[in-house]
């Protein structure tokens, strides 16, 4: 593609397990792009969301993270370095990436690099995320590798988290990349 074109909800997966009229509807929050469509330098920004105490504590309970900095108001206020409870970094990672996540049936997570918790995030902070497509290169016979950065900000643009996400992505035309694919 020479110019970025939206791919969200352009087509459907057409599941055979629902009525045809339903299966033909575009899928909300889904993208249908291939390796060839992924543009280096393309950026998106998410909506903002405010982190509540309830969801912070639910996340802590779910992952059994009861560290005093995230779960003990008295400790955080009287002995903690920040004077108030933190939101777990793993929650900021999950929520921040979730803000820009879409469901592309042609892309599969390969892993994350360079994950850094740069500044603390607290209950009541509002976050948003910017995703930037960094690079791509052929990797396997059927899949290329794409790398994007995720920057999670709080408030009016204070960077709190950075990471890079690697995804394997299907080629639309695998034969076009056969000569570029490294031997396994």
Protein backbone atom coordinates (compact mmCIF):
# COMPACT_ATOMS: atom_id res chain seq x y z
CA UNK A 1 0.00 0.00 0.00
CA UNK A 2 1.44 3.36 -0.93
CA UNK A 3 -0.70 5.38 1.45
CA UNK A 4 -2.17 4.38 4.80
CA UNK A 5 -5.75 3.24 4.44
CA UNK A 6 -7.94 2.16 7.33
CA UNK A 7 -8.44 -1.56 7.63
CA UNK A 8 -10.60 -1.65 10.76
CA UNK A 9 -13.86 -3.45 10.10
CA UNK A 10 -13.25 -3.67 6.35
CA UNK A 11 -14.07 -7.34 6.15
CA UNK A 12 -15.22 -10.15 8.37
CA UNK A 13 -13.87 -13.52 9.41
CA UNK A 14 -17.18 -15.10 8.23
CA UNK A 15 -17.54 -17.71 11.00
CA UNK A 16 -19.63 -20.71 10.05
CA UNK A 17 -21.02 -20.99 13.58
CA UNK A 18 -23.45 -18.04 13.35
CA UNK A 19 -26.17 -16.88 10.97
CA UNK A 20 -24.82 -15.73 7.57
CA UNK A 21 -26.22 -12.22 8.08
CA UNK A 22 -24.28 -11.89 11.34
CA UNK A 23 -21.08 -13.45 9.97
CA UNK A 24 -21.03 -10.95 7.09
CA UNK A 25 -20.91 -7.94 9.43
CA UNK A 26 -17.53 -6.27 9.92
CA UNK A 27 -15.89 -7.20 13.23
CA UNK A 28 -15.59 -4.35 15.72
CA UNK A 29 -12.00 -3.50 16.67
CA UNK A 30 -10.60 -5.87 14.06
CA UNK A 31 -8.03 -5.20 11.40
CA UNK A 32 -7.29 -7.29 8.35
CA UNK A 33 -3.86 -6.07 7.26
CA UNK A 34 -0.92 -8.12 6.10
CA UNK A 35 2.85 -7.65 6.33
CA UNK A 36 2.83 -5.75 3.03
CA UNK A 37 0.33 -3.21 4.43
CA UNK A 38 2.28 -2.39 7.61
CA UNK A 39 3.88 1.04 7.24
CA UNK A 40 7.06 2.02 9.07
CA UNK A 41 6.59 5.40 10.75
CA UNK A 42 2.80 5.17 11.04
CA UNK A 43 1.52 6.37 14.45
CA UNK A 44 -1.76 6.08 16.31
CA UNK A 45 -2.93 7.57 19.62
CA UNK A 46 -5.46 6.01 21.92
CA UNK A 47 -8.30 7.53 23.84
CA UNK A 48 -7.51 8.34 27.48
CA UNK A 49 -8.65 6.36 30.50
CA UNK A 50 -8.49 7.05 34.21
CA UNK A 51 -7.24 4.26 36.47
CA UNK A 52 -9.67 3.63 39.34
CA UNK A 53 -8.89 2.12 42.72
CA UNK A 54 -11.30 -0.75 42.08
CA UNK A 55 -9.68 -1.90 38.86
CA UNK A 56 -6.21 -1.47 40.32
CA UNK A 57 -7.07 -3.68 43.29
CA UNK A 58 -8.86 -6.21 41.05
CA UNK A 59 -5.72 -6.53 38.95
CA UNK A 60 -3.57 -6.91 42.09
CA UNK A 61 -5.85 -9.64 43.41
CA UNK A 62 -5.95 -11.41 40.04
CA UNK A 63 -2.16 -11.63 39.80
CA UNK A 64 -1.64 -11.95 43.59
CA UNK A 65 0.41 -8.73 43.78
CA UNK A 66 -0.18 -7.47 47.31
CA UNK A 67 3.04 -5.48 47.62
CA UNK A 68 2.54 -2.67 50.17
CA UNK A 69 3.18 -0.01 47.51
CA UNK A 70 0.08 -1.11 45.57
CA UNK A 71 -2.16 -2.60 48.27
CA UNK A 72 -1.49 -0.86 51.62
CA UNK A 73 -2.64 2.77 51.85
CA UNK A 74 -1.16 3.27 55.33
CA UNK A 75 2.26 1.93 54.32
CA UNK A 76 2.27 3.93 51.09
CA UNK A 77 1.30 7.16 52.88
CA UNK A 78 3.58 6.83 55.91
CA UNK A 79 6.57 4.76 54.78
CA UNK A 80 6.43 4.70 50.99
CA UNK A 81 8.67 6.75 48.76
CA UNK A 82 5.77 8.44 46.93
CA UNK A 83 3.32 9.16 49.78
CA UNK A 84 0.48 7.31 48.05
CA UNK A 85 -0.30 3.94 46.49
CA UNK A 86 1.07 3.04 43.08
CA UNK A 87 -0.75 1.25 40.31
CA UNK A 88 1.16 -1.96 39.50
CA UNK A 89 3.47 -1.55 36.52
CA UNK A 90 2.13 -4.77 35.01
CA UNK A 91 -1.34 -3.21 35.03
CA UNK A 92 -0.11 -0.04 33.30
CA UNK A 93 1.61 -2.26 30.72
CA UNK A 94 -1.59 -4.25 30.12
CA UNK A 95 -3.97 -1.30 30.14
CA UNK A 96 -1.66 0.95 28.12
CA UNK A 97 -1.14 -1.58 25.36
CA UNK A 98 -4.80 -2.53 25.45
CA UNK A 99 -5.71 1.06 24.62
CA UNK A 100 -4.20 0.72 21.14
CA UNK A 101 -4.70 -3.00 20.63
CA UNK A 102 -6.74 -4.21 17.70
CA UNK A 103 -7.56 -7.72 16.67
CA UNK A 104 -5.71 -8.51 13.45
CA UNK A 105 -6.26 -12.13 12.47
CA UNK A 106 -3.01 -12.05 10.46
CA UNK A 107 -0.71 -10.94 13.30
CA UNK A 108 0.61 -12.96 16.25
CA UNK A 109 2.54 -11.67 19.24
CA UNK A 110 6.21 -12.69 19.17
CA UNK A 111 7.24 -10.88 22.35
CA UNK A 112 8.21 -7.59 23.96
CA UNK A 113 11.57 -5.85 24.23
CA UNK A 114 12.89 -2.84 26.11
CA UNK A 115 10.06 -2.71 28.65
CA UNK A 116 10.74 0.15 31.05
CA UNK A 117 8.64 1.66 33.85
CA UNK A 118 9.87 5.24 33.60
CA UNK A 119 7.69 7.09 36.12
CA UNK A 120 5.21 5.94 38.77
CA UNK A 121 1.50 5.87 38.03
CA UNK A 122 -1.05 6.37 40.80
CA UNK A 123 -4.72 5.62 41.37
CA UNK A 124 -6.70 8.38 39.69
CA UNK A 125 -4.09 9.06 36.98
CA UNK A 126 -5.32 9.26 33.40
CA UNK A 127 -3.25 7.47 30.76
CA UNK A 128 -3.10 7.27 26.97
CA UNK A 129 -0.82 5.46 24.52
CA UNK A 130 0.98 6.23 21.28
CA UNK A 131 2.01 3.33 19.05
CA UNK A 132 4.69 3.90 16.41
CA UNK A 133 5.55 1.34 13.73
CA UNK A 134 9.36 1.05 13.83
CA UNK A 135 10.56 -1.62 11.41
CA UNK A 136 9.71 -4.81 9.59
CA UNK A 137 11.67 -7.58 7.92
CA UNK A 138 11.06 -11.05 6.47
CA UNK A 139 11.48 -13.77 9.09
CA UNK A 140 9.78 -17.04 8.09
CA UNK A 141 8.37 -18.64 4.96
CA UNK A 142 4.82 -17.44 5.71
CA UNK A 143 5.45 -14.62 8.22
CA UNK A 144 7.42 -11.40 8.52
CA UNK A 145 8.39 -9.69 11.78
CA UNK A 146 7.09 -6.21 12.65
CA UNK A 147 8.28 -4.06 15.57
CA UNK A 148 6.28 -1.19 17.10
CA UNK A 149 6.98 1.03 20.09
CA UNK A 150 4.37 1.73 22.73
CA UNK A 151 4.66 4.87 24.83
CA UNK A 152 2.21 5.19 27.70
CA UNK A 153 1.72 8.72 29.02
CA UNK A 154 -0.15 10.09 32.01
CA UNK A 155 -1.73 13.47 32.48
CA UNK A 156 -0.66 16.01 29.90
CA UNK A 157 2.12 14.00 28.30
CA UNK A 158 4.37 12.60 31.03
CA UNK A 159 5.96 9.37 29.76
CA UNK A 160 5.46 6.53 32.27
CA UNK A 161 6.14 3.35 30.24
CA UNK A 162 7.99 2.37 27.08
CA UNK A 163 8.24 -0.97 25.33
CA UNK A 164 8.57 -2.49 21.89
CA UNK A 165 6.20 -5.16 20.64
CA UNK A 166 7.26 -7.71 18.05
CA UNK A 167 4.63 -9.47 15.98
CA UNK A 168 4.85 -12.11 13.33
CA UNK A 169 2.54 -11.12 10.50
CA UNK A 170 1.29 -13.15 7.55
CA UNK A 171 2.43 -12.21 4.08
CA UNK A 172 -0.34 -11.62 1.59
CA UNK A 173 1.94 -13.14 -1.05
CA UNK A 174 4.58 -15.38 0.59
CA UNK A 175 6.34 -16.03 -2.73
CA UNK A 176 7.33 -12.34 -2.85
CA UNK A 177 9.53 -12.86 0.23
CA UNK A 178 10.95 -16.34 -0.41
CA UNK A 179 14.38 -15.03 -1.44
CA UNK A 180 14.53 -12.70 1.58
CA UNK A 181 13.61 -15.25 4.22
CA UNK A 182 16.62 -16.44 6.24
CA UNK A 183 17.17 -20.22 6.35
CA UNK A 184 15.94 -21.88 9.55
